[in-house]
Amino acid sequence: MTTQHDPFHPAVPAGAYDNLLAHALPRARAQKTWEPEDGPLPALFVSHGAPPTLDDPQWLDDLFTWSQSMPKPRAIVVVSAHWENAPLAISGAAAGTPLYYDFGGFHPRYYTLQYATPDATHLARRIAATLSDTTTVHHYADRGLDHGAFIPLMAMYPAADVPVVQLSMPSLDPEALLKLGQRLRQLRNEGILIIGSGFMTHSFAIMRNPALVGHTKAFDEWAADALSHGDIDALTDYRDKGPGVEVAHPTADHFVPLLLTLGAGSKLGAPATTAIDRLWFGNSIRSLQVA
């Protein structure tokens, strides 16, 4: 039976998102903006989901509540599972750059949703300056935010009043993402929020066969333990050490943004704090922050 709360068969596509806007926008607009005395913002790892996130009221509320626990950032840089490009590249920074709807097979409404963020030219220049000492940074002026960036941000900052740019993954090598996070770390002292956007487990197989849930649970529990102890070596070597990895992460793209987040922490090995801990159709949407 179709229900309002079934994210795959919503009675109103993105209806849960409409409901979030109705009650969250006043709080979002009134949120205190970061000031230097607040200290560095944390670095975040967000399990982002695709359009069905916008039809899951709990997921939306969890993301919004999480964002409200911090000062509103002056700007946001996102590294998403859905953009691998070397050399490093920055997305369009002009105000209202059209979104990149990098998904297929969904209701037409999802391709008309907007997230028109302010001009982020200064942020793009700041990121390029931070990285340009050893890296050529390309600027794809026409590439908007992909769903790994705009879907979670629509819930976290629904007023769309924070400048955002997306930075590509230079490769799927965990060490490369860890080093990139370390190079971006200093931006946190300026009120810039660094987000690695992926999924704690990313298995389509379990959605077809729920009996495989033991694999994703085992991987999630292992990762949570490693994160609580700041075991960077284990997480970097997740392909060999993570139980159930062949089911939980048949490809690397949704896990390695976590290493970016860990690299952007104040120091390597700092324990991560879980902000969201839930299974969604057999996959873990664990999301966390590192001080």
Protein backbone atom coordinates (compact mmCIF):
# COMPACT_ATOMS: atom_id res chain seq x y z
CA MET A 1 0.00 0.00 0.00
CA THR A 2 1.25 3.47 -0.84
CA THR A 3 1.71 5.70 2.20
CA GLN A 4 2.94 9.21 2.79
CA HIS A 5 5.91 7.86 4.73
CA ASP A 6 7.12 5.30 2.18
CA PRO A 7 10.09 7.09 0.60
CA PHE A 8 9.89 5.00 -2.55
CA HIS A 9 6.16 5.50 -3.11
CA PRO A 10 5.28 8.87 -1.58
CA ALA A 11 1.75 10.15 -1.89
CA VAL A 12 3.28 13.57 -2.58
CA PRO A 13 6.81 13.53 -4.06
CA ALA A 14 9.09 15.51 -1.72
CA GLY A 15 6.08 16.07 0.53
CA ALA A 16 8.13 15.46 3.67
CA TYR A 17 10.51 18.17 2.50
CA ASP A 18 7.57 20.56 2.02
CA ASN A 19 6.54 19.83 5.59
CA LEU A 20 10.07 20.47 6.85
CA LEU A 21 10.12 23.85 5.16
CA ALA A 22 6.82 24.79 6.75
CA HIS A 23 8.17 24.48 10.30
CA ALA A 24 11.95 24.80 9.90
CA LEU A 25 12.47 27.88 7.76
CA PRO A 26 11.98 30.44 10.57
CA ARG A 27 14.52 28.64 12.76
CA ALA A 28 16.93 28.26 9.85
CA ARG A 29 16.83 31.97 9.06
CA ALA A 30 17.27 32.91 12.71
CA GLN A 31 20.18 30.55 13.34
CA LYS A 32 23.23 32.28 14.83
CA THR A 33 26.04 32.67 12.32
CA TRP A 34 29.54 31.50 13.23
CA GLU A 35 31.87 34.00 14.87
CA PRO A 36 35.60 33.53 15.56
CA GLU A 37 34.95 33.14 19.29
CA ASP A 38 32.96 29.98 18.48
CA GLY A 39 36.18 28.21 17.57
CA PRO A 40 36.67 25.84 14.62
CA LEU A 41 33.58 24.24 13.16
CA PRO A 42 33.57 20.42 13.19
CA ALA A 43 34.12 18.41 10.03
CA LEU A 44 31.12 16.28 9.04
CA PHE A 45 30.49 13.00 7.30
CA VAL A 46 26.93 12.84 6.00
CA SER A 47 25.13 9.79 4.63
CA HIS A 48 23.21 11.62 1.97
CA GLY A 49 20.72 9.40 0.16
CA ALA A 50 19.05 10.23 -3.15
CA PRO A 51 15.64 11.88 -3.72
CA PRO A 52 13.85 9.46 -1.33
CA THR A 53 15.61 11.30 1.51
CA LEU A 54 13.19 14.15 0.79
CA ASP A 55 10.30 11.78 1.54
CA ASP A 56 11.62 10.51 4.87
CA PRO A 57 10.48 12.88 7.64
CA GLN A 58 12.75 11.38 10.30
CA TRP A 59 15.86 11.65 8.12
CA LEU A 60 15.05 15.27 7.26
CA ASP A 61 14.38 16.17 10.88
CA ASP A 62 17.58 14.46 12.01
CA LEU A 63 19.65 16.42 9.50
CA PHE A 64 18.00 19.72 10.39
CA THR A 65 18.34 19.14 14.14
CA TRP A 66 22.02 18.30 13.66
CA SER A 67 22.67 21.52 11.77
CA GLN A 68 20.93 23.51 14.48
CA SER A 69 23.36 22.15 17.08
CA MET A 70 26.16 24.20 15.49
CA PRO A 71 26.52 27.84 14.51
CA LYS A 72 25.46 28.54 10.95
CA PRO A 73 28.63 28.33 8.85
CA ARG A 74 29.90 31.28 6.85
CA ALA A 75 30.35 28.92 3.91
CA ILE A 76 30.34 25.20 3.09
CA VAL A 77 32.64 23.01 1.01
CA VAL A 78 31.33 19.54 0.11
CA VAL A 79 33.18 16.55 -1.30
CA SER A 80 30.57 14.14 -2.64
CA ALA A 81 30.72 10.48 -3.63
CA HIS A 82 29.36 11.48 -7.02
CA TRP A 83 32.19 13.58 -8.41
CA GLU A 84 35.60 12.04 -9.04
CA ASN A 85 37.86 14.31 -11.08
CA ALA A 86 41.60 14.73 -11.29
CA PRO A 87 43.13 17.26 -11.18
CA LEU A 88 40.96 18.68 -8.43
CA ALA A 89 38.02 20.73 -9.59
CA ILE A 90 35.62 23.24 -8.05
CA SER A 91 31.97 23.48 -9.02
CA GLY A 92 30.19 26.61 -10.20
CA ALA A 93 30.32 29.40 -7.64
CA ALA A 94 27.90 31.94 -9.09
CA ALA A 95 24.71 32.61 -7.18
CA GLY A 96 21.94 30.27 -8.23
CA THR A 97 24.10 27.96 -10.36
CA PRO A 98 21.62 25.29 -11.56
CA LEU A 99 21.72 21.99 -9.71
CA TYR A 100 23.13 18.85 -11.32
CA TYR A 101 20.32 16.27 -11.19
CA ASP A 102 22.55 13.21 -11.39
CA PHE A 103 19.86 10.57 -10.87
CA GLY A 104 17.26 8.90 -13.01
CA GLY A 105 13.87 7.20 -12.84
CA PHE A 106 12.24 9.46 -10.27
CA HIS A 107 9.08 11.57 -10.33
CA PRO A 108 9.44 14.72 -12.49
CA ARG A 109 9.11 16.97 -9.45
CA TYR A 110 12.57 16.03 -8.21
CA TYR A 111 14.07 17.56 -11.35
CA THR A 112 12.44 20.91 -10.68
CA LEU A 113 13.51 21.33 -7.04
CA GLN A 114 15.78 24.30 -6.49
CA TYR A 115 18.51 25.08 -3.98
CA ALA A 116 19.68 28.53 -5.05
CA THR A 117 22.62 29.31 -2.75
CA PRO A 118 24.35 32.72 -2.60
CA ASP A 119 27.43 33.70 -4.57
CA ALA A 120 30.41 31.59 -3.47
CA THR A 121 33.13 33.20 -5.57
CA HIS A 122 35.15 34.21 -2.51
CA LEU A 123 34.92 30.66 -1.14
CA ALA A 124 36.04 29.15 -4.45
CA ARG A 125 39.05 31.48 -4.51
CA ARG A 126 39.86 30.66 -0.89
CA ILE A 127 39.80 26.91 -1.59
CA ALA A 128 41.91 27.31 -4.71
CA ALA A 129 44.45 29.38 -2.79
CA THR A 130 44.57 26.77 -0.04
CA LEU A 131 45.31 23.97 -2.50
CA SER A 132 47.25 25.70 -5.26
CA ASP A 133 50.66 25.38 -3.63
CA THR A 134 50.97 21.80 -4.92
CA THR A 135 47.83 21.25 -6.99
CA THR A 136 46.27 22.75 -10.09
CA VAL A 137 42.60 23.39 -9.31
CA HIS A 138 40.18 23.57 -12.23
CA HIS A 139 36.92 25.52 -12.10
CA TYR A 140 33.85 23.98 -13.76
CA ALA A 141 31.71 27.10 -13.78
CA ASP A 142 28.66 25.36 -15.23
CA ARG A 143 28.65 22.34 -12.92
CA GLY A 144 26.12 22.76 -10.15
CA LEU A 145 25.91 20.84 -6.89
CA ASP A 146 25.10 17.15 -7.38
CA HIS A 147 22.64 15.26 -5.20
CA GLY A 148 25.35 14.20 -2.76
CA ALA A 149 25.65 17.89 -1.91
CA PHE A 150 22.25 19.47 -2.40
CA ILE A 151 20.01 16.72 -0.96
CA PRO A 152 21.45 16.83 2.60
CA LEU A 153 21.94 20.60 2.50
CA MET A 154 18.29 21.16 1.58
CA ALA A 155 17.47 19.61 4.95
CA MET A 156 20.34 21.05 6.99
CA TYR A 157 20.20 24.62 5.70
CA PRO A 158 16.76 24.89 4.08
CA ALA A 159 16.92 28.67 3.77
CA ALA A 160 19.69 28.21 1.16
CA ASP A 161 21.46 31.22 2.66
CA VAL A 162 24.97 29.79 2.99
CA PRO A 163 27.49 29.93 0.09
CA VAL A 164 28.40 26.41 -1.08
CA VAL A 165 30.91 24.94 -3.48
CA GLN A 166 31.63 21.34 -4.29
CA LEU A 167 35.16 20.00 -4.61
CA SER A 168 35.88 16.86 -6.60
CA MET A 169 37.50 13.72 -5.24
CA PRO A 170 40.98 13.46 -6.79
CA SER A 171 40.70 9.66 -6.74
CA LEU A 172 39.05 6.88 -4.76
CA ASP A 173 42.23 6.21 -2.80
CA PRO A 174 41.51 6.59 0.95
CA GLU A 175 44.94 8.09 1.57
CA ALA A 176 44.36 10.74 -1.09
CA LEU A 177 41.08 11.77 0.55
CA LEU A 178 42.69 11.80 4.00
CA LYS A 179 45.43 14.13 2.73
CA LEU A 180 42.91 16.38 1.00
CA GLY A 181 41.00 16.72 4.27
CA GLN A 182 44.21 17.67 6.06
CA ARG A 183 44.86 20.42 3.54
CA LEU A 184 41.35 21.81 3.96
CA ARG A 185 41.48 21.63 7.77
CA GLN A 186 42.51 25.25 8.28
CA LEU A 187 39.28 26.49 6.68
CA ARG A 188 37.35 25.35 9.76
CA ASN A 189 39.01 28.17 11.70
CA GLU A 190 37.30 30.63 9.35
CA GLY A 191 33.78 29.34 9.90
CA ILE A 192 33.79 27.15 6.79
CA LEU A 193 32.04 23.81 7.22
CA ILE A 194 33.78 20.84 5.59
CA ILE A 195 31.51 17.95 4.62
CA GLY A 196 32.36 14.54 3.23
CA SER A 197 29.16 13.18 1.71
CA GLY A 198 28.77 9.45 1.14
CA PHE A 199 27.00 6.57 2.86
CA MET A 200 28.21 4.47 5.78
CA THR A 201 27.10 1.40 3.85
CA HIS A 202 26.01 1.54 0.22
CA SER A 203 24.53 -1.72 -0.98
CA PHE A 204 21.84 -2.14 -3.60
CA ALA A 205 22.08 -5.90 -3.08
CA ILE A 206 20.60 -5.61 0.42
CA MET A 207 17.68 -3.62 -0.92
CA ARG A 208 16.93 -6.53 -3.23
CA ASN A 209 17.70 -9.18 -0.59
CA PRO A 210 17.12 -8.02 3.02
CA ALA A 211 18.61 -11.29 4.29
CA LEU A 212 22.03 -9.74 3.64
CA VAL A 213 21.55 -7.22 6.45
CA GLY A 214 24.05 -9.03 8.64
CA HIS A 215 26.83 -7.85 6.33
CA THR A 216 25.93 -4.18 6.48
CA LYS A 217 25.36 -4.33 10.24
CA ALA A 218 28.74 -5.98 10.78
CA PHE A 219 30.51 -3.37 8.68
CA ASP A 220 28.70 -0.50 10.38
CA GLU A 221 29.52 -1.82 13.86
CA TRP A 222 33.16 -2.30 12.90
CA ALA A 223 33.39 1.21 11.45
CA ALA A 224 31.67 2.74 14.50
CA ASP A 225 34.16 1.05 16.81
CA ALA A 226 37.14 2.17 14.72
CA LEU A 227 35.77 5.73 14.63
CA SER A 228 35.26 5.82 18.38
CA HIS A 229 38.92 4.90 18.85
CA GLY A 230 40.24 7.11 16.06
CA ASP A 231 41.72 4.10 14.28
CA ILE A 232 42.68 5.82 11.02
CA ASP A 233 44.83 2.90 9.87
CA ALA A 234 41.92 0.44 10.06
CA LEU A 235 39.52 2.79 8.30
CA THR A 236 42.03 3.54 5.55
CA ASP A 237 42.48 -0.21 5.07
CA TYR A 238 38.72 -0.86 5.22
CA ARG A 239 38.76 -3.03 2.09
CA ASP A 240 40.86 -5.67 3.87
CA LYS A 241 39.73 -5.16 7.46
CA GLY A 242 36.03 -4.30 7.29
CA PRO A 243 33.70 -7.31 7.74
CA GLY A 244 31.02 -7.68 5.10
CA VAL A 245 32.72 -5.11 2.90
CA GLU A 246 31.90 -6.86 -0.38
CA VAL A 247 28.21 -6.36 0.35
CA ALA A 248 28.44 -3.12 2.31
CA HIS A 249 30.70 -1.33 -0.18
CA PRO A 250 31.03 -3.09 -3.55
CA THR A 251 32.57 0.18 -4.77
CA ALA A 252 34.67 2.71 -2.88
CA ASP A 253 32.94 5.96 -3.85
CA HIS A 254 30.52 6.25 -0.91
CA PHE A 255 33.00 5.28 1.81
CA VAL A 256 36.12 7.29 1.01
CA PRO A 257 34.54 10.72 1.69
CA LEU A 258 34.68 9.61 5.33
CA LEU A 259 38.48 9.78 5.12
CA LEU A 260 38.24 13.40 3.95
CA THR A 261 36.24 14.18 7.09
CA LEU A 262 38.75 12.44 9.33
CA GLY A 263 41.63 14.27 7.67
CA ALA A 264 39.90 17.59 8.28
CA GLY A 265 39.64 16.91 12.01
CA SER A 266 41.76 18.96 14.40
CA LYS A 267 44.19 16.06 14.70
CA LEU A 268 44.40 12.64 13.13
CA GLY A 269 42.97 10.00 15.40
CA ALA A 270 40.49 12.24 17.13
CA PRO A 271 37.37 10.18 17.92
CA ALA A 272 34.25 10.88 15.88
CA THR A 273 30.85 11.56 17.42
CA THR A 274 27.83 9.94 15.81
CA ALA A 275 24.97 12.36 15.08
CA ILE A 276 22.64 10.00 13.17
CA ASP A 277 22.55 6.24 13.71
CA ARG A 278 19.87 4.33 11.84
CA LEU A 279 19.37 1.64 9.21
CA TRP A 280 17.50 2.69 6.09
CA PHE A 281 16.30 -0.23 3.95
CA GLY A 282 19.19 -2.30 5.31
CA ASN A 283 21.90 0.33 4.85
CA SER A 284 23.49 2.35 7.63
CA ILE A 285 22.98 6.10 7.37
CA ARG A 286 25.41 6.72 10.22
CA SER A 287 26.53 10.35 10.03
CA LEU A 288 29.10 11.93 12.31
CA GLN A 289 31.29 14.84 13.19
CA VAL A 290 34.91 15.26 14.17
CA ALA A 291 36.13 18.15 16.30
